[in-house]
Each structure stands twice: as structure tokens, then as C-alpha cells.
Amino acid sequence: MRLNNLGIVRTNIERPDPTDVKRLSQFGVSTIHEAMGRVGLLRPYIRPAYTGAKLCGPAVTVLLQPGDNWMFHVAVEQVQEGDVIVAGCTTESEDGFFGELLATSLTARGCKGLVIDGGVRDVADLEKMDFPVFSRAVNAKGTVKATLGSVNIPVVVANAVVNSGDVVVADVDGVVVVPRELVRAVADASQKREDNEEAKRMKFREGALGLDVYGMRGPLAKAGLEYVEN
């Protein structure tokens, strides 16, 4: 009987339709988060390692041990074109788990980036490679390769549960996770929200006030707001 989920590599994961992933990639994290009902965000301490980084793709999940990046090398084999790596740790760790060599290996597999609740290094090289990374920290401290974790099991990353095959979207506003089975519906909802916002944007360009566009005057008056001339 297993006492934990360490030492497992799931090799046959379900991924969403690539067409739906591509549609979702057109939208920003804020739009997707709102379209899903204001859920799915990772904690905001996960930040882009360099300016301009952004990514979207199905998750290959990795469970790391603190100070040990062994399982990254195991995970590379499971990556398919368009995937992103999403890495959590068995406990908090800001060591530099990931750098330019691993990014080079992943790029050869078609990986589109990394989200990690831990540290990364070689940031200047990652930027030159245009390999998007979102991390808890930037830290030159290296790691060892000695302790088993797992690949393609559910992981907790910055307080969000991520399952393999879920789509992760990241940009300057943060990181959001879209469950695999909801990708098409969330893309539809994001497009609807984007269309609605464009209609409002046109009104604001013409000088309309949010008080009128959003129908706020009645509720404000009911709440007791008064305009006083003096």
C-alpha cells in the first residue's frame, strides 16, 4: 500500500483541444479570471522572471522536493509541443530549481514555458531565449538531484490546485488555471466579456461616464449619496 504519491510518473494525460487552447491564449489573465467567475488565480507572489513574459498551454505538473530539481529532468520526457511545466514543492522553497540548461532541453521538446512555486536562475539567458518563466523567486542558489517527487499528479502551486492537462495562462497581471474540461466554455465566456468591454470602451472614448454606462446613479442615491453645492 502506498503511503504517499511520491515516485509516480503518469505518462498518458488528457489535454484539451489545441484549437480551444489557441482561442484562450488570445485573452489576458484578468479577462479569463473574471469570465470564470473570479476564480482560478494563483497567489500574486508568482511573478514573471523578466518583462514581457507570457504563456498559455496545457500543464505537465511536477512535484519537487525542496532544494532538489531531479524531477524536472524526468518531466522533460513527458512534454509535448505546446505544453507548459507547472511545478509545486512538497514544502516552501525558493532555491534556484531551474535555469538555462533545463530551458534549452524543454525548448527542444516544444515547451512553451514554466510556472513554479520556487526559485529560478539564469534569468538573463532565459530572456534571451524568450523562454517564459513565472516564479516565486529569482535565486542563484543551486539544487541537487537526489530525492523522488512525481510528474503529472495534482499539485498545489501558490494556493491553487493544478491537474495535468489544465490550461495555465500567465502574463504581467498574474497566473490563472483553467480546468481542462472547461477550456472551450471559458474561451467562449472570455470572448463574450471582451466584446462587452469593447462596447463600453467605445462609449468611454466618446466621453460617457461610468456612472451612466454602469447605471450607478440610482443605487448611489438609494445608498444616500448627496451632491452639495457650496
Protein backbone atom coordinates (compact mmCIF):
# COMPACT_ATOMS: atom_id res chain seq x y z
CA MET A 1 0.00 0.00 0.00
CA ARG A 2 1.36 3.43 -0.98
CA LEU A 3 1.67 5.90 1.87
CA ASN A 4 2.13 8.89 -0.45
CA ASN A 5 2.13 9.90 -4.12
CA LEU A 6 5.90 10.26 -4.47
CA GLY A 7 7.80 8.41 -7.19
CA ILE A 8 4.94 8.41 -9.73
CA VAL A 9 5.11 9.46 -13.38
CA ARG A 10 1.80 9.47 -15.24
CA THR A 11 2.63 9.10 -18.93
CA ASN A 12 -0.79 9.32 -20.57
CA ILE A 13 -2.52 12.58 -19.68
CA GLU A 14 -5.53 14.15 -21.36
CA ARG A 15 -5.05 17.52 -22.99
CA PRO A 16 -7.73 19.90 -24.28
CA ASP A 17 -8.35 20.58 -27.95
CA PRO A 18 -5.42 22.69 -29.25
CA THR A 19 -7.89 24.94 -31.09
CA ASP A 20 -9.55 25.84 -27.79
CA VAL A 21 -6.17 26.47 -26.16
CA LYS A 22 -5.23 28.81 -29.01
CA ARG A 23 -8.51 30.70 -28.62
CA LEU A 24 -7.92 31.05 -24.88
CA SER A 25 -4.40 32.37 -25.48
CA GLN A 26 -5.87 35.50 -27.09
CA PHE A 27 -7.18 36.73 -23.74
CA GLY A 28 -5.41 38.21 -20.73
CA VAL A 29 -5.34 36.68 -17.28
CA SER A 30 -7.70 39.31 -15.87
CA THR A 31 -10.32 38.64 -18.55
CA ILE A 32 -10.14 34.86 -18.08
CA HIS A 33 -10.32 35.14 -14.29
CA GLU A 34 -13.41 37.35 -14.48
CA ALA A 35 -15.03 35.20 -17.18
CA MET A 36 -14.71 32.11 -14.97
CA GLY A 37 -16.50 33.85 -12.11
CA ARG A 38 -13.41 35.37 -10.44
CA VAL A 39 -11.73 32.06 -9.65
CA GLY A 40 -8.57 30.24 -10.71
CA LEU A 41 -5.85 32.74 -9.80
CA LEU A 42 -2.54 31.76 -8.27
CA ARG A 43 -1.32 33.90 -5.41
CA PRO A 44 0.17 37.15 -6.76
CA TYR A 45 3.67 36.44 -5.47
CA ILE A 46 4.20 34.36 -8.63
CA ARG A 47 5.70 36.92 -10.99
CA PRO A 48 7.33 36.94 -14.45
CA ALA A 49 11.07 36.44 -14.23
CA TYR A 50 11.56 39.08 -16.93
CA THR A 51 9.49 41.84 -18.52
CA GLY A 52 7.22 40.73 -21.32
CA ALA A 53 6.99 37.06 -20.37
CA LYS A 54 3.65 35.41 -21.08
CA LEU A 55 2.47 31.87 -21.74
CA CYS A 56 -0.54 29.66 -22.34
CA GLY A 57 -0.68 25.88 -22.59
CA PRO A 58 -1.70 22.56 -21.03
CA ALA A 59 0.10 21.72 -17.81
CA VAL A 60 2.62 18.97 -17.28
CA THR A 61 2.75 19.04 -13.50
CA VAL A 62 5.83 18.40 -11.37
CA LEU A 63 6.07 17.84 -7.62
CA LEU A 64 9.54 18.82 -6.41
CA GLN A 65 11.37 18.26 -3.17
CA PRO A 66 13.00 21.34 -1.54
CA GLY A 67 16.45 22.01 -2.92
CA ASP A 68 16.15 19.19 -5.48
CA ASN A 69 15.35 19.51 -9.20
CA TRP A 70 15.68 15.82 -10.16
CA MET A 71 12.04 15.56 -11.24
CA PHE A 72 12.37 18.36 -13.78
CA HIS A 73 14.61 16.06 -15.81
CA VAL A 74 12.03 13.29 -15.51
CA ALA A 75 9.27 15.68 -16.60
CA VAL A 76 11.05 16.79 -19.78
CA GLU A 77 10.39 13.38 -21.32
CA GLN A 78 6.63 13.82 -20.81
CA VAL A 79 6.39 17.22 -22.52
CA GLN A 80 4.64 17.54 -25.86
CA GLU A 81 4.55 20.51 -28.25
CA GLY A 82 2.63 23.39 -26.70
CA ASP A 83 2.78 22.19 -23.07
CA VAL A 84 3.91 24.25 -20.10
CA ILE A 85 5.59 22.93 -16.96
CA VAL A 86 3.82 23.73 -13.69
CA ALA A 87 5.89 22.92 -10.62
CA GLY A 88 5.00 22.83 -6.95
CA CYS A 89 7.08 21.71 -3.98
CA THR A 90 6.38 19.46 -1.00
CA THR A 91 7.17 22.45 1.22
CA GLU A 92 8.13 26.08 0.68
CA SER A 93 11.46 26.51 -1.08
CA GLU A 94 13.00 29.41 -3.00
CA ASP A 95 16.09 27.59 -4.24
CA GLY A 96 17.09 28.03 -7.89
CA PHE A 97 15.46 24.87 -9.24
CA PHE A 98 15.51 25.92 -12.89
CA GLY A 99 17.88 27.62 -15.29
CA GLU A 100 19.09 27.96 -18.87
CA LEU A 101 20.12 24.32 -19.41
CA LEU A 102 16.71 22.94 -18.46
CA ALA A 103 15.04 25.65 -20.55
CA THR A 104 17.15 24.58 -23.52
CA SER A 105 16.12 20.97 -23.04
CA LEU A 106 12.45 21.89 -22.73
CA THR A 107 12.55 24.18 -25.76
CA ALA A 108 13.71 21.23 -27.85
CA ARG A 109 10.54 19.41 -26.78
CA GLY A 110 8.27 22.32 -27.77
CA CYS A 111 7.60 23.51 -24.22
CA LYS A 112 6.09 27.00 -24.01
CA GLY A 113 7.25 27.98 -20.53
CA LEU A 114 7.30 27.37 -16.79
CA VAL A 115 5.28 28.32 -13.73
CA ILE A 116 6.99 27.38 -10.46
CA ASP A 117 6.27 27.96 -6.79
CA GLY A 118 10.01 28.18 -6.19
CA GLY A 119 13.12 29.91 -7.44
CA VAL A 120 14.78 30.16 -10.85
CA ARG A 121 18.12 31.49 -12.06
CA ASP A 122 19.93 32.39 -15.31
CA VAL A 123 17.23 34.98 -15.89
CA ALA A 124 19.21 36.98 -18.45
CA ASP A 125 19.68 33.82 -20.50
CA LEU A 126 16.01 32.88 -20.19
CA GLU A 127 15.07 36.32 -21.52
CA LYS A 128 17.46 35.99 -24.46
CA MET A 129 15.91 32.61 -25.24
CA ASP A 130 12.41 34.09 -24.87
CA PHE A 131 11.52 31.17 -22.61
CA PRO A 132 8.70 32.49 -20.38
CA VAL A 133 9.10 31.80 -16.67
CA PHE A 134 6.86 32.78 -13.78
CA SER A 135 8.32 32.07 -10.35
CA ARG A 136 8.16 32.66 -6.63
CA ALA A 137 11.74 33.97 -6.55
CA VAL A 138 14.92 34.55 -8.50
CA ASN A 139 17.72 32.81 -6.65
CA ALA A 140 21.23 31.78 -7.71
CA LYS A 141 21.31 29.00 -5.10
CA GLY A 142 21.62 25.64 -6.84
CA THR A 143 19.92 22.32 -6.17
CA VAL A 144 20.80 18.62 -6.04
CA LYS A 145 19.35 15.55 -7.76
CA ALA A 146 18.68 13.02 -5.04
CA THR A 147 15.05 12.79 -3.92
CA LEU A 148 11.97 11.48 -5.71
CA GLY A 149 8.99 13.65 -6.41
CA SER A 150 6.33 12.99 -9.05
CA VAL A 151 5.18 14.02 -12.52
CA ASN A 152 1.60 14.55 -13.73
CA ILE A 153 -0.12 14.28 -10.38
CA PRO A 154 -2.27 17.09 -8.91
CA VAL A 155 -0.04 19.77 -7.39
CA VAL A 156 -0.69 22.84 -5.29
CA VAL A 157 1.03 25.90 -6.72
CA ALA A 158 0.65 29.23 -4.91
CA ASN A 159 -2.58 28.01 -3.25
CA ALA A 160 -4.15 26.76 -6.50
CA VAL A 161 -4.68 23.10 -7.37
CA VAL A 162 -3.36 22.29 -10.84
CA ASN A 163 -4.09 19.00 -12.61
CA SER A 164 -2.14 17.76 -15.58
CA GLY A 165 -3.89 18.90 -18.76
CA ASP A 166 -5.39 22.01 -17.16
CA VAL A 167 -4.54 25.12 -19.16
CA VAL A 168 -2.36 27.69 -17.44
CA VAL A 169 -2.30 31.28 -18.70
CA ALA A 170 0.22 33.80 -17.39
CA ASP A 171 1.03 37.42 -18.15
CA VAL A 172 2.07 40.59 -16.33
CA ASP A 173 -1.22 40.54 -14.35
CA GLY A 174 -0.65 37.08 -12.85
CA VAL A 175 -1.36 33.40 -13.46
CA VAL A 176 -4.73 31.68 -13.87
CA VAL A 177 -5.61 27.99 -14.14
CA VAL A 178 -8.47 26.80 -16.36
CA PRO A 179 -9.68 23.23 -15.73
CA ARG A 180 -9.12 21.06 -18.81
CA GLU A 181 -12.81 20.25 -19.29
CA LEU A 182 -13.78 23.96 -19.17
CA VAL A 183 -11.31 25.40 -21.67
CA ARG A 184 -13.81 25.77 -24.54
CA ALA A 185 -16.51 27.25 -22.31
CA VAL A 186 -14.08 29.68 -20.70
CA ALA A 187 -12.79 30.76 -24.12
CA ASP A 188 -16.41 31.46 -25.14
CA ALA A 189 -17.08 33.38 -21.92
CA SER A 190 -13.85 35.36 -22.32
CA GLN A 191 -14.79 36.37 -25.86
CA LYS A 192 -18.22 37.49 -24.66
CA ARG A 193 -16.63 39.56 -21.91
CA GLU A 194 -14.11 41.06 -24.33
CA ASP A 195 -16.90 42.05 -26.74
CA ASN A 196 -18.86 43.64 -23.89
CA GLU A 197 -15.83 45.60 -22.72
CA GLU A 198 -15.11 46.85 -26.25
CA ALA A 199 -18.65 48.26 -26.43
CA LYS A 200 -18.07 50.10 -23.13
CA ARG A 201 -14.64 51.24 -24.29
CA MET A 202 -16.21 52.95 -27.29
CA LYS A 203 -18.67 54.78 -25.04
CA PHE A 204 -15.87 55.95 -22.73
CA ARG A 205 -13.92 57.23 -25.74
CA GLU A 206 -16.96 59.32 -26.65
CA GLY A 207 -16.96 60.87 -23.17
CA ALA A 208 -19.61 58.79 -21.41
CA LEU A 209 -19.32 58.45 -17.64
CA GLY A 210 -19.11 55.16 -15.76
CA LEU A 211 -21.94 56.49 -13.59
CA ASP A 212 -24.24 56.23 -16.61
CA VAL A 213 -22.69 53.31 -18.50
CA TYR A 214 -22.96 51.11 -15.41
CA GLY A 215 -26.30 52.54 -14.22
CA MET A 216 -24.86 53.66 -10.90
CA ARG A 217 -26.88 56.80 -10.22
CA GLY A 218 -29.97 55.08 -8.82
CA PRO A 219 -28.11 52.72 -6.46
CA LEU A 220 -25.88 55.57 -5.27
CA ALA A 221 -28.89 57.74 -4.49
CA LYS A 222 -30.56 54.83 -2.70
CA ALA A 223 -27.42 54.37 -0.64
CA GLY A 224 -27.65 58.01 0.45
CA LEU A 225 -25.15 59.81 -1.81
CA GLU A 226 -25.83 63.57 -1.94
CA TYR A 227 -24.46 66.27 -4.24
CA VAL A 228 -23.96 69.53 -2.35
CA GLU A 229 -23.17 72.91 -3.94
CA ASN A 230 -21.11 75.31 -1.84
